[in-house]
Amino acid sequence: MSIKNHKLTKKLQVLLTEDEVDEVNRLILNDAIINQTRPVSVSAFIRSLIQKELQSNSRGEQESIVKKHINKLKEK
């Protein structure tokens, strides 16, 4: 399922701590700096994480993409 092929019609609400929000923002900014691109919105970033997670689960991968990103951030 590509975002280009489907209209976005449902909203999800996610509650995060201030520290988690800071971590997400830091990940977004780090990605933008590394790739020399504009930062994506938090919504687009979270959507991408969810889509990657759904794809990895459908392929039978065990490790969570979200956990990998959080662990990478904690190592920095």
C-alpha atoms as a PDB file:
ATOM      1  CA  MET A   1       0.000   0.000   0.000  1.00  0.00           C
ATOM      2  CA  SER A   2       1.588   3.166  -1.160  1.00  0.00           C
ATOM      3  CA  ILE A   3       0.554   6.562   0.155  1.00  0.00           C
ATOM      4  CA  LYS A   4       0.260   7.699  -3.462  1.00  0.00           C
ATOM      5  CA  ASN A   5      -2.328   5.018  -4.194  1.00  0.00           C
ATOM      6  CA  HIS A   6      -4.619   5.561  -1.224  1.00  0.00           C
ATOM      7  CA  LYS A   7      -6.391   8.580   0.155  1.00  0.00           C
ATOM      8  CA  LEU A   8      -5.543   9.264   3.797  1.00  0.00           C
ATOM      9  CA  THR A   9      -8.840   9.189   5.633  1.00  0.00           C
ATOM     10  CA  LYS A  10      -8.241   8.013   9.203  1.00  0.00           C
ATOM     11  CA  LYS A  11      -6.558   9.858  12.055  1.00  0.00           C
ATOM     12  CA  LEU A  12      -4.770   8.242  14.966  1.00  0.00           C
ATOM     13  CA  GLN A  13      -3.916   9.990  18.187  1.00  0.00           C
ATOM     14  CA  VAL A  14      -0.680   9.171  19.961  1.00  0.00           C
ATOM     15  CA  LEU A  15       0.259  10.342  23.425  1.00  0.00           C
ATOM     16  CA  LEU A  16       3.972  10.759  24.106  1.00  0.00           C
ATOM     17  CA  THR A  17       6.017  12.116  26.968  1.00  0.00           C
ATOM     18  CA  GLU A  18       7.959  15.337  26.470  1.00  0.00           C
ATOM     19  CA  ASP A  19      11.168  13.305  26.292  1.00  0.00           C
ATOM     20  CA  GLU A  20       9.713  11.072  23.566  1.00  0.00           C
ATOM     21  CA  VAL A  21       8.587  14.104  21.568  1.00  0.00           C
ATOM     22  CA  ASP A  22      12.085  15.547  21.886  1.00  0.00           C
ATOM     23  CA  GLU A  23      13.555  12.238  20.674  1.00  0.00           C
ATOM     24  CA  VAL A  24      11.229  12.162  17.658  1.00  0.00           C
ATOM     25  CA  ASN A  25      12.102  15.751  16.766  1.00  0.00           C
ATOM     26  CA  ARG A  26      15.803  14.987  17.151  1.00  0.00           C
ATOM     27  CA  LEU A  27      15.478  11.972  14.817  1.00  0.00           C
ATOM     28  CA  ILE A  28      13.679  14.077  12.230  1.00  0.00           C
ATOM     29  CA  LEU A  29      16.298  16.828  12.374  1.00  0.00           C
ATOM     30  CA  ASN A  30      19.197  14.351  12.263  1.00  0.00           C
ATOM     31  CA  ASP A  31      17.718  12.648   9.185  1.00  0.00           C
ATOM     32  CA  ALA A  32      17.291  16.018   7.492  1.00  0.00           C
ATOM     33  CA  ILE A  33      20.872  17.043   8.256  1.00  0.00           C
ATOM     34  CA  ILE A  34      22.337  13.729   7.104  1.00  0.00           C
ATOM     35  CA  ASN A  35      20.283  13.698   3.894  1.00  0.00           C
ATOM     36  CA  GLN A  36      20.603  17.472   3.362  1.00  0.00           C
ATOM     37  CA  THR A  37      16.837  17.799   2.983  1.00  0.00           C
ATOM     38  CA  ARG A  38      14.078  19.738   4.704  1.00  0.00           C
ATOM     39  CA  PRO A  39      12.747  18.116   7.874  1.00  0.00           C
ATOM     40  CA  VAL A  40       9.508  16.196   7.399  1.00  0.00           C
ATOM     41  CA  SER A  41       6.506  16.832   9.622  1.00  0.00           C
ATOM     42  CA  VAL A  42       6.093  14.741  12.762  1.00  0.00           C
ATOM     43  CA  SER A  43       2.938  13.284  11.211  1.00  0.00           C
ATOM     44  CA  ALA A  44       4.781  12.218   8.050  1.00  0.00           C
ATOM     45  CA  PHE A  45       7.630  10.763  10.114  1.00  0.00           C
ATOM     46  CA  ILE A  46       5.299   8.731  12.343  1.00  0.00           C
ATOM     47  CA  ARG A  47       3.296   7.602   9.290  1.00  0.00           C
ATOM     48  CA  SER A  48       6.524   6.386   7.686  1.00  0.00           C
ATOM     49  CA  LEU A  49       7.513   4.496  10.846  1.00  0.00           C
ATOM     50  CA  ILE A  50       4.124   2.798  11.000  1.00  0.00           C
ATOM     51  CA  GLN A  51       4.239   1.863   7.313  1.00  0.00           C
ATOM     52  CA  LYS A  52       7.761   0.426   7.660  1.00  0.00           C
ATOM     53  CA  GLU A  53       6.707  -1.515  10.748  1.00  0.00           C
ATOM     54  CA  LEU A  54       3.668  -2.945   8.975  1.00  0.00           C
ATOM     55  CA  GLN A  55       5.815  -3.958   5.997  1.00  0.00           C
ATOM     56  CA  SER A  56       8.459  -5.566   8.196  1.00  0.00           C
ATOM     57  CA  ASN A  57       5.827  -7.529  10.109  1.00  0.00           C
ATOM     58  CA  SER A  58       4.288  -8.779   6.894  1.00  0.00           C
ATOM     59  CA  ARG A  59       7.726 -10.082   5.845  1.00  0.00           C
ATOM     60  CA  GLY A  60       8.191 -11.859   9.145  1.00  0.00           C
ATOM     61  CA  GLU A  61      10.939  -9.631  10.485  1.00  0.00           C
ATOM     62  CA  GLN A  62      11.128  -9.733  14.252  1.00  0.00           C
ATOM     63  CA  GLU A  63      12.893  -6.510  15.148  1.00  0.00           C
ATOM     64  CA  SER A  64      10.859  -3.326  15.346  1.00  0.00           C
ATOM     65  CA  ILE A  65      11.973  -0.416  13.168  1.00  0.00           C
ATOM     66  CA  VAL A  66      10.737   1.981  15.815  1.00  0.00           C
ATOM     67  CA  LYS A  67      12.923   0.317  18.453  1.00  0.00           C
ATOM     68  CA  LYS A  68      15.950   0.507  16.153  1.00  0.00           C
ATOM     69  CA  HIS A  69      15.460   4.248  15.661  1.00  0.00           C
ATOM     70  CA  ILE A  70      14.992   4.884  19.372  1.00  0.00           C
ATOM     71  CA  ASN A  71      18.069   2.787  20.215  1.00  0.00           C
ATOM     72  CA  LYS A  72      20.149   4.653  17.629  1.00  0.00           C
ATOM     73  CA  LEU A  73      19.095   7.928  19.193  1.00  0.00           C
ATOM     74  CA  LYS A  74      19.942   6.727  22.697  1.00  0.00           C
ATOM     75  CA  GLU A  75      23.440   5.759  21.510  1.00  0.00           C
ATOM     76  CA  LYS A  76      24.129   9.325  20.313  1.00  0.00           C
END
